[in-house]
């Protein structure tokens, strides 16, 4: 298992910050992010799930839960 690099997480965090109202990337966006970050689709999906959980825990949630 390879951990995500700082560059990869920076890319994902940037996407998340731009989409705070709806932090759910489409399949196409996930594929694009996976290619950019050199991560797998599963890793990207898991990263977003965890990031949303962290935001919710810190009460920084700005979106309506699905």
PDB file of N, CA and C in Angstrom:
ATOM      1  N   UNK A   1       0.838  -1.186   0.000  1.00  0.00           N
ATOM      2  CA  UNK A   1       0.000   0.000   0.000  1.00  0.00           C
ATOM      3  C   UNK A   1       0.878   1.241   0.000  1.00  0.00           C
ATOM      4  N   UNK A   2       0.577   2.168  -0.913  1.00  0.00           N
ATOM      5  CA  UNK A   2       1.347   3.400  -1.011  1.00  0.00           C
ATOM      6  C   UNK A   2       0.511   4.564  -0.493  1.00  0.00           C
ATOM      7  N   UNK A   3       1.075   5.332   0.426  1.00  0.00           N
ATOM      8  CA  UNK A   3       0.357   6.484   0.956  1.00  0.00           C
ATOM      9  C   UNK A   3       0.319   7.607  -0.075  1.00  0.00           C
ATOM     10  N   UNK A   4      -0.723   8.407  -0.011  1.00  0.00           N
ATOM     11  CA  UNK A   4      -0.858   9.538  -0.915  1.00  0.00           C
ATOM     12  C   UNK A   4       0.228  10.570  -0.619  1.00  0.00           C
ATOM     13  N   UNK A   5       0.729  11.205  -1.668  1.00  0.00           N
ATOM     14  CA  UNK A   5       1.766  12.228  -1.494  1.00  0.00           C
ATOM     15  C   UNK A   5       1.113  13.556  -1.118  1.00  0.00           C
ATOM     16  N   UNK A   6       1.931  14.489  -0.672  1.00  0.00           N
ATOM     17  CA  UNK A   6       1.433  15.826  -0.341  1.00  0.00           C
ATOM     18  C   UNK A   6       0.827  16.491  -1.572  1.00  0.00           C
ATOM     19  N   UNK A   7       1.458  16.288  -2.723  1.00  0.00           N
ATOM     20  CA  UNK A   7       0.955  16.863  -3.975  1.00  0.00           C
ATOM     21  C   UNK A   7      -0.436  16.329  -4.285  1.00  0.00           C
ATOM     22  N   UNK A   8      -0.612  15.010  -4.106  1.00  0.00           N
ATOM     23  CA  UNK A   8      -1.893  14.377  -4.392  1.00  0.00           C
ATOM     24  C   UNK A   8      -2.979  14.914  -3.465  1.00  0.00           C
ATOM     25  N   UNK A   9      -2.685  14.967  -2.165  1.00  0.00           N
ATOM     26  CA  UNK A   9      -3.697  15.446  -1.227  1.00  0.00           C
ATOM     27  C   UNK A   9      -3.970  16.935  -1.443  1.00  0.00           C
ATOM     28  N   UNK A  10      -2.965  17.694  -1.853  1.00  0.00           N
ATOM     29  CA  UNK A  10      -3.163  19.123  -2.128  1.00  0.00           C
ATOM     30  C   UNK A  10      -4.158  19.297  -3.274  1.00  0.00           C
ATOM     31  N   UNK A  11      -4.035  18.454  -4.300  1.00  0.00           N
ATOM     32  CA  UNK A  11      -4.958  18.492  -5.446  1.00  0.00           C
ATOM     33  C   UNK A  11      -6.381  18.168  -4.985  1.00  0.00           C
ATOM     34  N   UNK A  12      -6.521  17.119  -4.157  1.00  0.00           N
ATOM     35  CA  UNK A  12      -7.841  16.718  -3.673  1.00  0.00           C
ATOM     36  C   UNK A  12      -8.438  17.783  -2.744  1.00  0.00           C
ATOM     37  N   UNK A  13      -7.601  18.361  -1.889  1.00  0.00           N
ATOM     38  CA  UNK A  13      -8.074  19.413  -0.980  1.00  0.00           C
ATOM     39  C   UNK A  13      -8.534  20.631  -1.768  1.00  0.00           C
ATOM     40  N   UNK A  14      -7.814  20.963  -2.830  1.00  0.00           N
ATOM     41  CA  UNK A  14      -8.193  22.106  -3.672  1.00  0.00           C
ATOM     42  C   UNK A  14      -9.568  21.868  -4.285  1.00  0.00           C
ATOM     43  N   UNK A  15      -9.788  20.648  -4.789  1.00  0.00           N
ATOM     44  CA  UNK A  15     -11.099  20.312  -5.376  1.00  0.00           C
ATOM     45  C   UNK A  15     -12.187  20.430  -4.310  1.00  0.00           C
ATOM     46  N   UNK A  16     -11.904  19.889  -3.134  1.00  0.00           N
ATOM     47  CA  UNK A  16     -12.864  19.906  -2.031  1.00  0.00           C
ATOM     48  C   UNK A  16     -13.228  21.336  -1.633  1.00  0.00           C
ATOM     49  N   UNK A  17     -12.217  22.204  -1.562  1.00  0.00           N
ATOM     50  CA  UNK A  17     -12.464  23.603  -1.187  1.00  0.00           C
ATOM     51  C   UNK A  17     -13.301  24.332  -2.230  1.00  0.00           C
ATOM     52  N   UNK A  18     -13.117  23.988  -3.506  1.00  0.00           N
ATOM     53  CA  UNK A  18     -13.888  24.620  -4.579  1.00  0.00           C
ATOM     54  C   UNK A  18     -15.325  24.096  -4.629  1.00  0.00           C
ATOM     55  N   UNK A  19     -15.567  22.941  -4.026  1.00  0.00           N
ATOM     56  CA  UNK A  19     -16.896  22.317  -4.091  1.00  0.00           C
ATOM     57  C   UNK A  19     -17.476  22.056  -2.700  1.00  0.00           C
ATOM     58  N   UNK A  20     -17.291  23.015  -1.791  1.00  0.00           N
ATOM     59  CA  UNK A  20     -17.752  22.819  -0.410  1.00  0.00           C
ATOM     60  C   UNK A  20     -19.270  22.656  -0.310  1.00  0.00           C
ATOM     61  N   UNK A  21     -19.999  23.264  -1.244  1.00  0.00           N
ATOM     62  CA  UNK A  21     -21.466  23.152  -1.212  1.00  0.00           C
ATOM     63  C   UNK A  21     -21.924  21.738  -1.599  1.00  0.00           C
ATOM     64  N   UNK A  22     -21.133  21.054  -2.410  1.00  0.00           N
ATOM     65  CA  UNK A  22     -21.471  19.687  -2.824  1.00  0.00           C
ATOM     66  C   UNK A  22     -20.179  18.890  -2.992  1.00  0.00           C
ATOM     67  N   UNK A  23     -19.644  18.365  -1.870  1.00  0.00           N
ATOM     68  CA  UNK A  23     -18.330  17.688  -1.916  1.00  0.00           C
ATOM     69  C   UNK A  23     -18.399  16.247  -2.407  1.00  0.00           C
ATOM     70  N   UNK A  24     -19.226  16.012  -3.415  1.00  0.00           N
ATOM     71  CA  UNK A  24     -19.364  14.668  -3.981  1.00  0.00           C
ATOM     72  C   UNK A  24     -18.962  14.699  -5.453  1.00  0.00           C
ATOM     73  N   UNK A  25     -17.693  14.359  -5.751  1.00  0.00           N
ATOM     74  CA  UNK A  25     -17.271  14.369  -7.160  1.00  0.00           C
ATOM     75  C   UNK A  25     -18.013  13.302  -7.961  1.00  0.00           C
ATOM     76  N   UNK A  26     -18.298  13.624  -9.217  1.00  0.00           N
ATOM     77  CA  UNK A  26     -18.939  12.638 -10.099  1.00  0.00           C
ATOM     78  C   UNK A  26     -17.899  11.584 -10.446  1.00  0.00           C
ATOM     79  N   UNK A  27     -18.353  10.497 -11.055  1.00  0.00           N
ATOM     80  CA  UNK A  27     -17.425   9.434 -11.443  1.00  0.00           C
ATOM     81  C   UNK A  27     -16.346   9.998 -12.375  1.00  0.00           C
ATOM     82  N   UNK A  28     -16.755  10.835 -13.318  1.00  0.00           N
ATOM     83  CA  UNK A  28     -15.814  11.461 -14.243  1.00  0.00           C
ATOM     84  C   UNK A  28     -14.778  12.307 -13.519  1.00  0.00           C
ATOM     85  N   UNK A  29     -15.238  13.079 -12.544  1.00  0.00           N
ATOM     86  CA  UNK A  29     -14.319  13.919 -11.760  1.00  0.00           C
ATOM     87  C   UNK A  29     -13.359  13.056 -10.953  1.00  0.00           C
ATOM     88  N   UNK A  30     -13.872  11.962 -10.388  1.00  0.00           N
ATOM     89  CA  UNK A  30     -13.012  11.050  -9.625  1.00  0.00           C
ATOM     90  C   UNK A  30     -11.944  10.444 -10.528  1.00  0.00           C
ATOM     91  N   UNK A  31     -12.332  10.044 -11.741  1.00  0.00           N
ATOM     92  CA  UNK A  31     -11.373   9.461 -12.685  1.00  0.00           C
ATOM     93  C   UNK A  31     -10.298  10.494 -13.026  1.00  0.00           C
ATOM     94  N   UNK A  32     -10.731  11.729 -13.301  1.00  0.00           N
ATOM     95  CA  UNK A  32      -9.802  12.813 -13.611  1.00  0.00           C
ATOM     96  C   UNK A  32      -8.844  13.048 -12.437  1.00  0.00           C
ATOM     97  N   UNK A  33      -9.385  13.101 -11.216  1.00  0.00           N
ATOM     98  CA  UNK A  33      -8.560  13.319 -10.027  1.00  0.00           C
ATOM     99  C   UNK A  33      -7.605  12.145  -9.793  1.00  0.00           C
ATOM    100  N   UNK A  34      -8.087  10.933 -10.062  1.00  0.00           N
ATOM    101  CA  UNK A  34      -7.245   9.741  -9.894  1.00  0.00           C
ATOM    102  C   UNK A  34      -6.044   9.806 -10.842  1.00  0.00           C
ATOM    103  N   UNK A  35      -6.280  10.226 -12.085  1.00  0.00           N
ATOM    104  CA  UNK A  35      -5.192  10.333 -13.066  1.00  0.00           C
ATOM    105  C   UNK A  35      -4.191  11.405 -12.639  1.00  0.00           C
ATOM    106  N   UNK A  36      -4.713  12.581 -12.246  1.00  0.00           N
ATOM    107  CA  UNK A  36      -3.845  13.687 -11.823  1.00  0.00           C
ATOM    108  C   UNK A  36      -2.995  13.300 -10.615  1.00  0.00           C
ATOM    109  N   UNK A  37      -3.624  12.656  -9.625  1.00  0.00           N
ATOM    110  CA  UNK A  37      -2.932  12.337  -8.370  1.00  0.00           C
ATOM    111  C   UNK A  37      -2.180  11.011  -8.408  1.00  0.00           C
ATOM    112  N   UNK A  38      -2.330  10.265  -9.519  1.00  0.00           N
ATOM    113  CA  UNK A  38      -1.708   8.938  -9.653  1.00  0.00           C
ATOM    114  C   UNK A  38      -2.182   7.983  -8.554  1.00  0.00           C
ATOM    115  N   UNK A  39      -3.458   8.150  -8.163  1.00  0.00           N
ATOM    116  CA  UNK A  39      -4.076   7.267  -7.180  1.00  0.00           C
ATOM    117  C   UNK A  39      -5.097   6.414  -7.923  1.00  0.00           C
ATOM    118  N   UNK A  40      -5.599   5.368  -7.255  1.00  0.00           N
ATOM    119  CA  UNK A  40      -6.644   4.554  -7.873  1.00  0.00           C
ATOM    120  C   UNK A  40      -7.995   5.229  -7.611  1.00  0.00           C
ATOM    121  N   UNK A  41      -8.990   4.813  -8.371  1.00  0.00           N
ATOM    122  CA  UNK A  41     -10.339   5.346  -8.195  1.00  0.00           C
ATOM    123  C   UNK A  41     -10.840   5.065  -6.778  1.00  0.00           C
ATOM    124  N   UNK A  42     -10.540   3.873  -6.276  1.00  0.00           N
ATOM    125  CA  UNK A  42     -10.942   3.495  -4.917  1.00  0.00           C
ATOM    126  C   UNK A  42     -10.277   4.409  -3.888  1.00  0.00           C
ATOM    127  N   UNK A  43      -8.998   4.692  -4.077  1.00  0.00           N
ATOM    128  CA  UNK A  43      -8.281   5.565  -3.137  1.00  0.00           C
ATOM    129  C   UNK A  43      -8.892   6.965  -3.119  1.00  0.00           C
ATOM    130  N   UNK A  44      -9.231   7.478  -4.300  1.00  0.00           N
ATOM    131  CA  UNK A  44      -9.827   8.812  -4.395  1.00  0.00           C
ATOM    132  C   UNK A  44     -11.185   8.819  -3.689  1.00  0.00           C
ATOM    133  N   UNK A  45     -11.998   7.812  -3.963  1.00  0.00           N
ATOM    134  CA  UNK A  45     -13.327   7.715  -3.339  1.00  0.00           C
ATOM    135  C   UNK A  45     -13.214   7.651  -1.817  1.00  0.00           C
ATOM    136  N   UNK A  46     -12.285   6.832  -1.332  1.00  0.00           N
ATOM    137  CA  UNK A  46     -12.067   6.688   0.105  1.00  0.00           C
ATOM    138  C   UNK A  46     -11.578   8.001   0.714  1.00  0.00           C
ATOM    139  N   UNK A  47     -10.672   8.688   0.007  1.00  0.00           N
ATOM    140  CA  UNK A  47     -10.151   9.961   0.501  1.00  0.00           C
ATOM    141  C   UNK A  47     -11.292  10.955   0.695  1.00  0.00           C
ATOM    142  N   UNK A  48     -12.189  11.036  -0.288  1.00  0.00           N
ATOM    143  CA  UNK A  48     -13.313  11.972  -0.185  1.00  0.00           C
ATOM    144  C   UNK A  48     -14.266  11.589   0.946  1.00  0.00           C
ATOM    145  N   UNK A  49     -14.534  10.305   1.108  1.00  0.00           N
ATOM    146  CA  UNK A  49     -15.407   9.854   2.203  1.00  0.00           C
ATOM    147  C   UNK A  49     -14.806  10.264   3.544  1.00  0.00           C
ATOM    148  N   UNK A  50     -13.510  10.044   3.702  1.00  0.00           N
ATOM    149  CA  UNK A  50     -12.819  10.397   4.945  1.00  0.00           C
ATOM    150  C   UNK A  50     -12.772  11.911   5.134  1.00  0.00           C
ATOM    151  N   UNK A  51     -12.533  12.650   4.051  1.00  0.00           N
ATOM    152  CA  UNK A  51     -12.464  14.113   4.135  1.00  0.00           C
ATOM    153  C   UNK A  51     -13.810  14.690   4.567  1.00  0.00           C
ATOM    154  N   UNK A  52     -14.905  14.147   4.002  1.00  0.00           N
ATOM    155  CA  UNK A  52     -16.243  14.604   4.401  1.00  0.00           C
ATOM    156  C   UNK A  52     -16.505  14.288   5.866  1.00  0.00           C
ATOM    157  N   UNK A  53     -16.053  13.106   6.310  1.00  0.00           N
ATOM    158  CA  UNK A  53     -16.221  12.731   7.710  1.00  0.00           C
ATOM    159  C   UNK A  53     -15.450  13.696   8.609  1.00  0.00           C
ATOM    160  N   UNK A  54     -14.219  14.044   8.209  1.00  0.00           N
ATOM    161  CA  UNK A  54     -13.409  14.986   8.999  1.00  0.00           C
ATOM    162  C   UNK A  54     -14.086  16.350   9.076  1.00  0.00           C
ATOM    163  N   UNK A  55     -14.597  16.841   7.936  1.00  0.00           N
ATOM    164  CA  UNK A  55     -15.265  18.147   7.920  1.00  0.00           C
ATOM    165  C   UNK A  55     -16.495  18.141   8.821  1.00  0.00           C
ATOM    166  N   UNK A  56     -17.255  17.059   8.764  1.00  0.00           N
ATOM    167  CA  UNK A  56     -18.464  16.935   9.569  1.00  0.00           C
ATOM    168  C   UNK A  56     -18.112  16.937  11.054  1.00  0.00           C
ATOM    169  N   UNK A  57     -17.039  16.215  11.386  1.00  0.00           N
ATOM    170  CA  UNK A  57     -16.579  16.107  12.770  1.00  0.00           C
ATOM    171  C   UNK A  57     -16.149  17.479  13.306  1.00  0.00           C
ATOM    172  N   UNK A  58     -15.540  18.285  12.439  1.00  0.00           N
ATOM    173  CA  UNK A  58     -15.073  19.619  12.842  1.00  0.00           C
ATOM    174  C   UNK A  58     -16.184  20.667  12.711  1.00  0.00           C
ATOM    175  N   UNK A  59     -17.405  20.204  12.393  1.00  0.00           N
ATOM    176  CA  UNK A  59     -18.550  21.092  12.212  1.00  0.00           C
ATOM    177  C   UNK A  59     -18.314  22.155  11.139  1.00  0.00           C
ATOM    178  N   UNK A  60     -17.560  21.781  10.108  1.00  0.00           N
ATOM    179  CA  UNK A  60     -17.320  22.684   8.981  1.00  0.00           C
ATOM    180  C   UNK A  60     -18.183  22.260   7.803  1.00  0.00           C
ATOM    181  N   UNK A  61     -19.206  21.474   8.097  1.00  0.00           N
ATOM    182  CA  UNK A  61     -20.062  20.946   7.053  1.00  0.00           C
ATOM    183  C   UNK A  61     -20.938  22.066   6.498  1.00  0.00           C
ATOM    184  N   UNK A  62     -20.836  22.298   5.189  1.00  0.00           N
ATOM    185  CA  UNK A  62     -21.614  23.385   4.583  1.00  0.00           C
ATOM    186  C   UNK A  62     -22.616  22.819   3.575  1.00  0.00           C
ATOM    187  N   UNK A  63     -22.694  21.494   3.469  1.00  0.00           N
ATOM    188  CA  UNK A  63     -23.599  20.888   2.506  1.00  0.00           C
ATOM    189  C   UNK A  63     -24.693  20.109   3.230  1.00  0.00           C
ATOM    190  N   UNK A  64     -25.792  19.899   2.533  1.00  0.00           N
ATOM    191  CA  UNK A  64     -26.866  19.085   3.085  1.00  0.00           C
ATOM    192  C   UNK A  64     -26.490  17.633   2.903  1.00  0.00           C
ATOM    193  N   UNK A  65     -26.444  16.835   3.969  1.00  0.00           N
ATOM    194  CA  UNK A  65     -26.060  15.426   3.834  1.00  0.00           C
ATOM    195  C   UNK A  65     -26.961  14.689   2.852  1.00  0.00           C
ATOM    196  N   UNK A  66     -26.389  13.766   2.100  1.00  0.00           N
ATOM    197  CA  UNK A  66     -27.151  13.007   1.112  1.00  0.00           C
ATOM    198  C   UNK A  66     -28.011  11.964   1.802  1.00  0.00           C
TER     199      UNK A  66
END
